[in-house]
Amino acid sequence: MTLMIPFDNTYAALPGQFYSKLPPQPVKAPRLVAFNEDLARVLGLTPGGTAEMAEVFGGNRVPEGADPLAQLYAGHQFGTYNPQLGDGRAILLGETAGTDGKRRDIQLKGSGRTPYSRGGDGRAWLGPVLREYVVSEAMHALGIPTTRALAAVETGETVWREGGLPGAVLTRVAASHLRVGTFQIFAARGDKASLRQLTDYAIARHYPEAEGPMGLLSAVRDAQSELIAAWMGVGFIHGVMNTDNFSISGETIDYGPCAFMDIYHPHTVFSSIDRGRRYAYANQPAIAVWNLAQLATALIQQMDDPQECVEAATEIVHAMPALTEAAWLRRFRAKLGITTAQEGDLELITSLLGLMAENQSDFTNTFRALAEGSARGQFTDPAAFDSWAEGWQARLEGEPDPHAVMRGANPAFIPRNHRIEEMIASAAAGDYALFHRLNAVLAKPFDDQPDHADLQRPPKPEEVVQATFCGT
């Protein structure tokens, strides 16, 4: 069977200032190590033979109908504006209108140098490719908007970072790769015509009901408020919430130094480059507001009189914290088995989180144990939990089925950092058994799966991952 991808490209039809057209760079010996058949069906993609798919998803052969390009954008990186970034190691092959009617990008990540590589080699090593594959698919199974992984290919080449590492290419699928930084670069250049064209394109592609730049800003705000609350609800830390990693579609994008918390603490940071804790777990809602303000600043530059929109844009941005808190409350109420809203719910939730931080409780296992009646064992001071639980049990009176609500809101399995590192080390040595096992188990995160209970275990002291890395 021949690989067939039903491309229907729209971004490539925009003017040339938005991108640079070029093919991916071939690799020495592509070998397909993973292919997502479920996602392929959604895309309307007909799989081919293993060797053929390795050639295409490794970047050695451009499939029929593709129009490969590297996208241009800028961005604030840890608060400092970089006037030109762009896809330095990624090529957008094109788009498909899937069997579900949704349009998606298909992109190769790690596919070689582009005009935006800024001195980099344009390649990726196997570790970050497999991390993004596992974590993005786990996020999808958790019901959190995210890019997804279609394929992973070993390149047969060595990538040089701290030393020689096996190279790989990830095929990433996204609602689009439009970022806040895509708008920022044209706003900074004073290119109103391109900014207007980009705004119209983003509205037509993602939010057709939105009216004008402020309608787009409101729609992005609403989508990102829900996304950040979803991250918080599963203990996810993105790690590098720069504006070039802030998706207009409201999807989680660019899994670099990302991680899930084990022991709960609001100031948890894993990213090795986040020395100032800018993107710590508890800071993510505020950073999302900051990023939205940068989008607002960019969008109003297309107006003939930008000052006319300042008040409206400010109002939209200032409304985001309350929207995020409302989404957060809804998710954390469900984590406690609560479906109705009452005064005092916020205090009930935050007091539990405070106890968890004091008792070094595992975030995922504690909430899961609430549904099983075994949460007391997650606390070094069980009496403190007992005291809190009295109020919680009283709050549950009248709730129709708190057990079912909690089991549907609290996953049993997450991609734990020490298991991800173990998986990467094994795969780098040629053993993909744990990679495939993680994908299978994490596809059903809310099921008990007793045969895989070891994957629920928090790390032992010697297994704790202290820092995560982008791997670029």
Protein backbone atom coordinates (compact mmCIF):
# COMPACT_ATOMS: atom_id res chain seq x y z
CA MET A 1 0.00 0.00 0.00
CA THR A 2 1.25 3.50 -0.88
CA LEU A 3 1.24 6.31 1.68
CA MET A 4 -1.35 8.92 0.76
CA ILE A 5 -1.84 12.19 2.64
CA PRO A 6 -4.85 14.27 1.49
CA PHE A 7 -3.13 17.65 1.62
CA ASP A 8 -5.25 20.79 1.37
CA ASN A 9 -2.83 23.63 2.02
CA THR A 10 -3.88 27.19 2.90
CA TYR A 11 -0.95 28.69 4.82
CA ALA A 12 1.37 28.06 1.87
CA ALA A 13 -1.00 30.16 -0.26
CA LEU A 14 -0.29 33.24 1.87
CA PRO A 15 2.37 35.67 0.59
CA GLY A 16 6.04 34.80 0.94
CA GLN A 17 6.78 37.13 3.85
CA PHE A 18 5.14 34.62 6.20
CA TYR A 19 7.58 31.78 5.56
CA SER A 20 10.48 30.37 3.57
CA LYS A 21 9.69 27.51 1.23
CA LEU A 22 12.20 24.67 1.27
CA PRO A 23 12.17 20.89 1.60
CA PRO A 24 13.35 18.96 4.66
CA GLN A 25 16.97 17.84 4.59
CA PRO A 26 17.43 14.09 3.94
CA VAL A 27 18.89 11.85 6.62
CA LYS A 28 21.32 8.96 6.38
CA ALA A 29 19.26 5.91 7.33
CA PRO A 30 15.65 6.63 8.35
CA ARG A 31 13.93 3.95 10.41
CA LEU A 32 10.31 4.19 11.53
CA VAL A 33 10.03 3.52 15.27
CA ALA A 34 6.44 4.66 15.88
CA PHE A 35 3.37 5.44 13.81
CA ASN A 36 0.07 6.64 15.27
CA GLU A 37 -2.60 4.71 13.39
CA ASP A 38 -5.49 6.27 15.34
CA LEU A 39 -4.37 9.79 14.45
CA ALA A 40 -3.75 8.73 10.85
CA ARG A 41 -7.41 7.71 10.56
CA VAL A 42 -8.52 11.09 11.87
CA LEU A 43 -6.31 12.81 9.29
CA GLY A 44 -7.71 10.66 6.49
CA LEU A 45 -4.20 9.40 5.84
CA THR A 46 -3.62 6.06 4.10
CA PRO A 47 -0.54 4.39 5.62
CA GLY A 48 2.14 2.99 3.38
CA GLY A 49 4.86 0.41 3.93
CA THR A 50 7.23 0.86 6.84
CA ALA A 51 10.19 1.78 4.62
CA GLU A 52 8.16 4.31 2.63
CA MET A 53 6.82 5.98 5.76
CA ALA A 54 10.33 6.15 7.19
CA GLU A 55 11.44 7.97 4.04
CA VAL A 56 8.56 10.48 4.18
CA PHE A 57 8.49 11.10 7.93
CA GLY A 58 12.28 11.15 8.08
CA GLY A 59 12.34 13.93 5.48
CA ASN A 60 13.96 12.00 2.63
CA ARG A 61 10.95 12.14 0.32
CA VAL A 62 8.41 14.94 -0.01
CA PRO A 63 4.97 13.36 -0.41
CA GLU A 64 2.65 14.31 -3.25
CA GLY A 65 0.57 17.38 -2.48
CA ALA A 66 2.92 18.74 0.18
CA ASP A 67 4.15 22.34 -0.02
CA PRO A 68 6.99 22.38 2.53
CA LEU A 69 7.95 25.57 4.33
CA ALA A 70 9.44 26.98 7.52
CA GLN A 71 7.26 29.53 9.30
CA LEU A 72 8.50 32.94 10.39
CA TYR A 73 7.78 34.40 13.82
CA ALA A 74 9.36 36.35 16.68
CA GLY A 75 8.74 36.13 20.41
CA HIS A 76 9.47 37.06 23.98
CA GLN A 77 11.81 34.48 25.49
CA PHE A 78 11.80 34.67 29.30
CA GLY A 79 10.45 38.20 28.95
CA THR A 80 13.07 39.43 26.49
CA TYR A 81 11.94 40.16 22.93
CA ASN A 82 13.77 38.38 20.12
CA PRO A 83 12.91 40.14 16.84
CA GLN A 84 13.25 37.05 14.66
CA LEU A 85 12.90 33.39 15.50
CA GLY A 86 11.01 31.08 13.14
CA ASP A 87 11.13 27.35 12.52
CA GLY A 88 14.82 26.67 12.96
CA ARG A 89 14.48 22.89 12.82
CA ALA A 90 10.96 22.25 11.55
CA ILE A 91 9.27 22.01 8.17
CA LEU A 92 5.52 22.30 7.69
CA LEU A 93 4.66 19.73 5.02
CA GLY A 94 1.10 20.97 4.65
CA GLU A 95 -2.43 20.66 5.98
CA THR A 96 -5.25 18.16 5.88
CA ALA A 97 -8.98 18.56 6.39
CA GLY A 98 -9.54 15.47 8.53
CA THR A 99 -12.34 12.95 8.61
CA ASP A 100 -13.80 14.93 11.53
CA GLY A 101 -13.88 18.11 9.43
CA LYS A 102 -11.05 19.80 11.35
CA ARG A 103 -8.04 21.30 9.59
CA ARG A 104 -4.61 20.35 10.91
CA ASP A 105 -0.95 21.00 10.11
CA ILE A 106 1.50 18.16 9.56
CA GLN A 107 5.02 19.22 10.50
CA LEU A 108 8.40 17.51 10.63
CA LYS A 109 10.42 18.52 13.70
CA GLY A 110 14.17 17.93 13.57
CA SER A 111 14.21 18.00 9.79
CA GLY A 112 17.32 20.10 9.23
CA ARG A 113 18.49 23.68 8.93
CA THR A 114 16.27 26.50 7.67
CA PRO A 115 16.90 30.24 7.16
CA TYR A 116 15.80 30.67 10.80
CA SER A 117 18.20 28.19 12.41
CA ARG A 118 20.38 30.93 13.96
CA GLY A 119 23.50 28.76 13.94
CA GLY A 120 21.77 25.57 15.07
CA ASP A 121 22.03 22.28 13.22
CA GLY A 122 18.28 22.00 12.67
CA ARG A 123 18.23 18.49 14.07
CA ALA A 124 16.72 16.81 17.11
CA TRP A 125 18.02 13.94 19.15
CA LEU A 126 15.97 10.91 20.03
CA GLY A 127 15.22 11.86 23.66
CA PRO A 128 13.13 15.02 23.08
CA VAL A 129 11.38 13.37 20.13
CA LEU A 130 10.21 10.44 22.25
CA ARG A 131 9.35 12.72 25.18
CA GLU A 132 7.10 14.85 23.00
CA TYR A 133 5.54 11.77 21.42
CA VAL A 134 4.64 10.22 24.78
CA VAL A 135 3.65 13.39 26.63
CA SER A 136 1.58 14.96 23.85
CA GLU A 137 -0.35 11.74 23.30
CA ALA A 138 -0.86 11.43 27.06
CA MET A 139 -2.23 14.98 27.16
CA HIS A 140 -4.65 14.10 24.36
CA ALA A 141 -5.88 11.09 26.32
CA LEU A 142 -6.35 13.34 29.36
CA GLY A 143 -8.67 15.50 27.27
CA ILE A 144 -6.35 18.51 27.18
CA PRO A 145 -6.01 20.43 23.88
CA THR A 146 -2.62 19.59 22.43
CA THR A 147 -0.53 18.99 19.38
CA ARG A 148 -0.24 15.28 18.66
CA ALA A 149 2.42 12.87 17.42
CA LEU A 150 1.94 11.05 14.14
CA ALA A 151 5.33 9.38 13.74
CA ALA A 152 8.86 9.10 15.09
CA VAL A 153 11.82 8.18 12.93
CA GLU A 154 15.42 7.42 13.81
CA THR A 155 17.75 9.14 11.36
CA GLY A 156 20.79 6.88 11.59
CA GLU A 157 22.86 9.99 12.24
CA THR A 158 24.62 11.39 15.30
CA VAL A 159 23.45 14.70 16.75
CA TRP A 160 26.00 16.59 18.79
CA ARG A 161 24.88 18.25 22.02
CA GLU A 162 26.90 17.65 25.18
CA GLY A 163 28.17 14.63 23.27
CA GLY A 164 27.11 12.41 20.39
CA LEU A 165 23.44 11.33 20.54
CA PRO A 166 21.14 9.38 18.18
CA GLY A 167 19.19 11.64 15.86
CA ALA A 168 15.44 11.51 15.24
CA VAL A 169 12.55 13.33 13.56
CA LEU A 170 9.08 13.82 15.03
CA THR A 171 6.00 14.28 12.87
CA ARG A 172 3.80 16.70 14.79
CA VAL A 173 0.15 17.48 14.09
CA ALA A 174 -1.46 20.73 15.24
CA ALA A 175 -4.64 22.73 14.67
CA SER A 176 -2.11 25.23 13.34
CA HIS A 177 1.32 26.52 14.26
CA LEU A 178 0.19 30.15 14.57
CA ARG A 179 1.68 31.69 17.71
CA VAL A 180 1.61 35.03 19.46
CA GLY A 181 5.07 35.49 18.00
CA THR A 182 3.68 35.14 14.46
CA PHE A 183 1.77 38.37 15.04
CA GLN A 184 4.54 40.06 16.96
CA ILE A 185 7.06 40.01 14.14
CA PHE A 186 4.84 41.92 11.71
CA ALA A 187 3.66 44.34 14.39
CA ALA A 188 7.27 45.12 15.33
CA ARG A 189 8.12 45.69 11.68
CA GLY A 190 5.18 48.03 11.22
CA ASP A 191 3.84 45.79 8.45
CA LYS A 192 0.13 46.52 8.89
CA ALA A 193 -0.89 44.82 5.66
CA SER A 194 0.66 41.50 6.67
CA LEU A 195 -0.70 41.82 10.20
CA ARG A 196 -4.21 42.35 8.85
CA GLN A 197 -3.89 39.43 6.47
CA LEU A 198 -2.61 37.19 9.27
CA THR A 199 -5.47 38.28 11.55
CA ASP A 200 -8.06 37.51 8.88
CA TYR A 201 -6.44 34.12 8.27
CA ALA A 202 -6.38 33.21 11.96
CA ILE A 203 -10.04 34.18 12.38
CA ALA A 204 -11.13 32.20 9.33
CA ARG A 205 -9.16 29.15 10.39
CA HIS A 206 -9.83 29.05 14.13
CA TYR A 207 -12.58 31.43 15.21
CA PRO A 208 -14.90 32.25 12.29
CA GLU A 209 -17.44 33.74 14.69
CA ALA A 210 -14.92 36.34 15.91
CA GLU A 211 -15.24 39.91 14.67
CA GLY A 212 -12.00 41.72 13.92
CA PRO A 213 -8.78 41.88 15.93
CA MET A 214 -10.52 42.31 19.29
CA GLY A 215 -12.81 39.40 18.55
CA LEU A 216 -9.75 37.27 17.86
CA LEU A 217 -8.11 38.47 21.07
CA SER A 218 -11.20 37.51 23.08
CA ALA A 219 -11.38 34.08 21.47
CA VAL A 220 -7.70 33.34 22.15
CA ARG A 221 -8.15 34.51 25.75
CA ASP A 222 -11.08 32.18 26.30
CA ALA A 223 -9.29 29.19 24.78
CA GLN A 224 -6.09 29.81 26.72
CA SER A 225 -7.97 30.30 30.01
CA GLU A 226 -9.43 26.82 29.66
CA LEU A 227 -6.07 25.37 28.61
CA ILE A 228 -4.13 26.78 31.57
CA ALA A 229 -6.78 25.53 34.00
CA ALA A 230 -6.51 22.09 32.40
CA TRP A 231 -2.73 22.09 32.88
CA MET A 232 -3.11 23.04 36.52
CA GLY A 233 -5.65 20.28 37.06
CA VAL A 234 -3.18 17.54 36.16
CA GLY A 235 -0.05 19.09 37.65
CA PHE A 236 1.49 19.87 34.27
CA ILE A 237 4.31 22.41 33.96
CA HIS A 238 5.01 23.58 30.42
CA GLY A 239 8.43 24.88 31.32
CA VAL A 240 8.95 27.45 28.57
CA MET A 241 5.86 29.63 28.10
CA ASN A 242 7.52 32.08 25.74
CA THR A 243 5.23 33.94 23.35
CA ASP A 244 6.58 31.88 20.47
CA ASN A 245 5.24 28.81 22.32
CA PHE A 246 1.79 30.31 22.97
CA SER A 247 -0.63 28.92 20.42
CA ILE A 248 -3.47 30.97 18.93
CA SER A 249 -5.59 27.82 18.70
CA GLY A 250 -5.44 27.19 22.45
CA GLU A 251 -3.46 23.97 22.16
CA THR A 252 -0.47 22.88 24.21
CA ILE A 253 2.49 23.25 21.87
CA ASP A 254 6.28 22.82 21.98
CA TYR A 255 7.00 20.18 24.60
CA GLY A 256 10.53 21.05 25.59
CA PRO A 257 11.45 20.98 29.30
CA CYS A 258 7.88 20.06 30.25
CA ALA A 259 7.08 17.87 33.25
CA PHE A 260 4.33 16.63 35.55
CA MET A 261 4.70 17.22 39.26
CA ASP A 262 5.19 14.31 41.61
CA ILE A 263 5.27 15.93 45.07
CA TYR A 264 2.96 18.94 45.08
CA HIS A 265 4.44 22.37 45.57
CA PRO A 266 3.13 25.51 43.84
CA HIS A 267 6.60 26.82 43.03
CA THR A 268 7.81 23.66 41.32
CA VAL A 269 10.13 24.21 38.35
CA PHE A 270 11.93 21.56 36.30
CA SER A 271 13.28 23.48 33.31
CA SER A 272 17.06 23.81 33.48
CA ILE A 273 16.90 27.20 31.76
CA ASP A 274 14.21 28.70 34.03
CA ARG A 275 16.62 29.91 36.68
CA GLY A 276 14.30 32.67 37.88
CA ARG A 277 11.26 30.36 38.22
CA ARG A 278 9.35 32.52 35.76
CA TYR A 279 7.37 29.53 34.50
CA ALA A 280 6.83 27.71 37.79
CA TYR A 281 3.60 25.72 38.17
CA ALA A 282 1.71 28.42 40.10
CA ASN A 283 2.93 31.21 37.80
CA GLN A 284 1.41 29.76 34.64
CA PRO A 285 -1.96 31.61 34.87
CA ALA A 286 -0.21 34.97 35.30
CA ILE A 287 2.23 34.27 32.46
CA ALA A 288 -0.70 33.44 30.18
CA VAL A 289 -2.13 36.89 30.92
CA TRP A 290 1.26 38.47 30.17
CA ASN A 291 1.44 36.59 26.87
CA LEU A 292 -2.10 37.65 25.96
CA ALA A 293 -1.10 41.26 26.60
CA GLN A 294 1.71 40.85 24.06
CA LEU A 295 -0.81 39.54 21.53
CA ALA A 296 -3.06 42.52 22.26
CA THR A 297 -0.14 44.90 21.74
CA ALA A 298 0.60 43.28 18.39
CA LEU A 299 -2.99 43.14 17.17
CA ILE A 300 -3.77 46.81 17.77
CA GLN A 301 -0.81 47.85 15.61
CA GLN A 302 -2.85 47.06 12.50
CA MET A 303 -5.37 49.77 13.32
CA ASP A 304 -5.09 53.16 11.67
CA ASP A 305 -5.42 54.66 15.16
CA PRO A 306 -4.18 52.02 17.63
CA GLN A 307 -5.25 54.13 20.61
CA GLU A 308 -8.87 53.50 19.67
CA CYS A 309 -8.44 49.82 20.61
CA VAL A 310 -6.30 50.22 23.72
CA GLU A 311 -9.25 50.43 26.10
CA ALA A 312 -11.03 47.45 24.54
CA ALA A 313 -7.85 45.36 24.46
CA THR A 314 -7.06 46.24 28.07
CA GLU A 315 -10.54 45.18 29.18
CA ILE A 316 -10.20 41.85 27.33
CA VAL A 317 -6.80 41.10 28.88
CA HIS A 318 -7.83 42.15 32.38
CA ALA A 319 -10.77 39.73 32.25
CA MET A 320 -8.49 36.72 31.80
CA PRO A 321 -7.54 36.05 35.45
CA ALA A 322 -11.19 35.70 36.49
CA LEU A 323 -11.94 33.43 33.54
CA THR A 324 -8.96 31.22 34.32
CA GLU A 325 -9.89 31.06 38.00
CA ALA A 326 -13.46 30.06 37.11
CA ALA A 327 -12.16 27.28 34.86
CA TRP A 328 -9.68 26.25 37.58
CA LEU A 329 -12.43 26.12 40.19
CA ARG A 330 -14.63 24.00 37.95
CA ARG A 331 -11.82 21.49 37.42
CA PHE A 332 -10.73 21.33 41.04
CA ARG A 333 -14.30 21.04 42.27
CA ALA A 334 -14.60 17.96 40.05
CA LYS A 335 -11.35 16.63 41.49
CA LEU A 336 -13.09 16.72 44.87
CA GLY A 337 -16.29 15.17 43.50
CA ILE A 338 -18.22 18.44 43.45
CA THR A 339 -20.43 19.48 40.54
CA THR A 340 -22.22 22.49 42.04
CA ALA A 341 -20.81 25.85 43.11
CA GLN A 342 -20.97 27.08 46.68
CA GLU A 343 -19.28 29.81 48.65
CA GLY A 344 -16.31 28.33 50.46
CA ASP A 345 -15.27 25.96 47.67
CA LEU A 346 -12.13 27.95 46.92
CA GLU A 347 -11.03 27.78 50.55
CA LEU A 348 -11.78 24.04 50.67
CA ILE A 349 -9.58 23.41 47.63
CA THR A 350 -6.71 25.71 48.58
CA SER A 351 -6.59 24.35 52.12
CA LEU A 352 -6.17 20.84 50.75
CA LEU A 353 -3.41 22.01 48.41
CA GLY A 354 -1.71 23.71 51.35
CA LEU A 355 -1.79 20.46 53.33
CA MET A 356 -0.41 18.59 50.34
CA ALA A 357 2.51 20.99 50.08
CA GLU A 358 3.24 20.73 53.82
CA ASN A 359 3.02 16.92 53.77
CA GLN A 360 4.93 16.43 50.49
CA SER A 361 1.94 14.60 49.03
CA ASP A 362 2.05 13.21 45.51
CA PHE A 363 -0.26 15.39 43.40
CA THR A 364 -1.71 12.72 41.11
CA ASN A 365 -1.94 9.89 43.62
CA THR A 366 -3.51 12.05 46.33
CA PHE A 367 -6.39 13.18 44.17
CA ARG A 368 -6.88 9.70 42.75
CA ALA A 369 -6.93 8.29 46.29
CA LEU A 370 -9.75 10.66 47.27
CA ALA A 371 -12.08 8.60 45.10
CA GLU A 372 -10.84 5.34 46.62
CA GLY A 373 -11.06 6.45 50.24
CA SER A 374 -7.32 6.01 50.75
CA ALA A 375 -6.03 9.58 50.55
CA ARG A 376 -5.12 9.62 54.26
CA GLY A 377 -2.04 7.54 53.47
CA GLN A 378 -0.68 10.28 51.20
CA PHE A 379 -0.04 12.59 54.17
CA THR A 380 2.80 12.51 56.67
CA ASP A 381 0.31 14.04 59.14
CA PRO A 382 -2.85 11.96 58.63
CA ALA A 383 -4.64 13.80 61.42
CA ALA A 384 -4.39 17.05 59.47
CA PHE A 385 -6.04 15.35 56.51
CA ASP A 386 -8.75 13.94 58.77
CA SER A 387 -9.58 17.42 59.98
CA TRP A 388 -9.84 18.73 56.42
CA ALA A 389 -11.85 15.70 55.30
CA GLU A 390 -14.61 16.43 57.79
CA GLY A 391 -15.47 19.62 55.94
CA TRP A 392 -15.06 17.92 52.58
CA GLN A 393 -17.46 15.11 53.48
CA ALA A 394 -20.01 17.64 54.66
CA ARG A 395 -19.62 19.52 51.36
CA LEU A 396 -20.30 16.31 49.40
CA GLU A 397 -23.75 15.91 50.94
CA GLY A 398 -26.30 16.20 48.17
CA GLU A 399 -23.78 15.62 45.39
CA PRO A 400 -25.23 12.91 43.10
CA ASP A 401 -22.19 10.67 42.46
CA PRO A 402 -18.94 12.17 43.77
CA HIS A 403 -17.03 8.89 43.33
CA ALA A 404 -17.70 8.80 39.58
CA VAL A 405 -16.97 12.51 39.24
CA MET A 406 -13.60 12.12 40.97
CA ARG A 407 -12.62 9.08 38.92
CA GLY A 408 -13.39 11.03 35.76
CA ALA A 409 -11.39 14.06 36.88
CA ASN A 410 -8.36 12.44 38.52
CA PRO A 411 -6.14 10.28 36.33
CA ALA A 412 -4.49 7.17 37.70
CA PHE A 413 -1.57 7.52 35.28
CA ILE A 414 0.54 10.44 34.08
CA PRO A 415 3.88 10.48 32.23
CA ARG A 416 6.08 10.56 35.30
CA ASN A 417 9.46 12.20 34.78
CA HIS A 418 11.56 9.31 36.01
CA ARG A 419 9.72 6.90 33.71
CA ILE A 420 10.23 9.23 30.75
CA GLU A 421 13.95 9.39 31.47
CA GLU A 422 14.09 5.62 31.87
CA MET A 423 12.26 5.21 28.56
CA ILE A 424 14.64 7.56 26.75
CA ALA A 425 17.72 5.78 28.09
CA SER A 426 16.33 2.40 27.03
CA ALA A 427 15.37 3.61 23.56
CA ALA A 428 18.76 5.20 23.03
CA ALA A 429 20.20 1.74 23.70
CA GLY A 430 17.81 0.21 21.16
CA ASP A 431 15.06 -1.02 23.49
CA TYR A 432 11.64 0.51 22.79
CA ALA A 433 9.61 -1.75 25.08
CA LEU A 434 8.99 0.93 27.74
CA PHE A 435 8.18 3.54 25.06
CA HIS A 436 5.42 1.34 23.65
CA ARG A 437 4.22 0.35 27.11
CA LEU A 438 3.92 3.96 28.23
CA ASN A 439 1.96 4.88 25.13
CA ALA A 440 -0.45 1.99 25.67
CA VAL A 441 -1.03 2.68 29.38
CA LEU A 442 -1.24 6.47 29.06
CA ALA A 443 -3.87 6.12 26.32
CA LYS A 444 -6.27 5.09 29.14
CA PRO A 445 -5.19 7.35 32.01
CA PHE A 446 -8.43 7.12 34.01
CA ASP A 447 -8.56 3.30 34.04
CA ASP A 448 -7.12 1.38 36.98
CA GLN A 449 -4.91 -1.03 34.92
CA PRO A 450 -3.62 -3.04 37.93
CA ASP A 451 -1.06 -4.85 35.77
CA HIS A 452 0.71 -1.52 35.32
CA ALA A 453 0.45 -0.21 38.88
CA ASP A 454 4.23 0.24 38.96
CA LEU A 455 3.82 3.19 36.59
CA GLN A 456 1.78 4.98 39.27
CA ARG A 457 4.64 4.87 41.75
CA PRO A 458 6.35 8.18 42.52
CA PRO A 459 10.13 8.23 42.08
CA LYS A 460 12.42 6.91 44.75
CA PRO A 461 14.88 9.53 46.04
CA GLU A 462 17.57 8.34 43.63
CA GLU A 463 15.09 8.46 40.71
CA VAL A 464 13.92 12.05 41.19
CA VAL A 465 14.42 14.16 38.05
CA GLN A 466 15.85 17.47 39.19
CA ALA A 467 15.93 19.24 35.83
CA THR A 468 14.49 18.86 32.34
CA PHE A 469 16.02 20.12 29.11
CA CYS A 470 14.79 21.46 25.77
CA GLY A 471 17.13 19.21 23.83
CA THR A 472 17.41 21.66 20.96
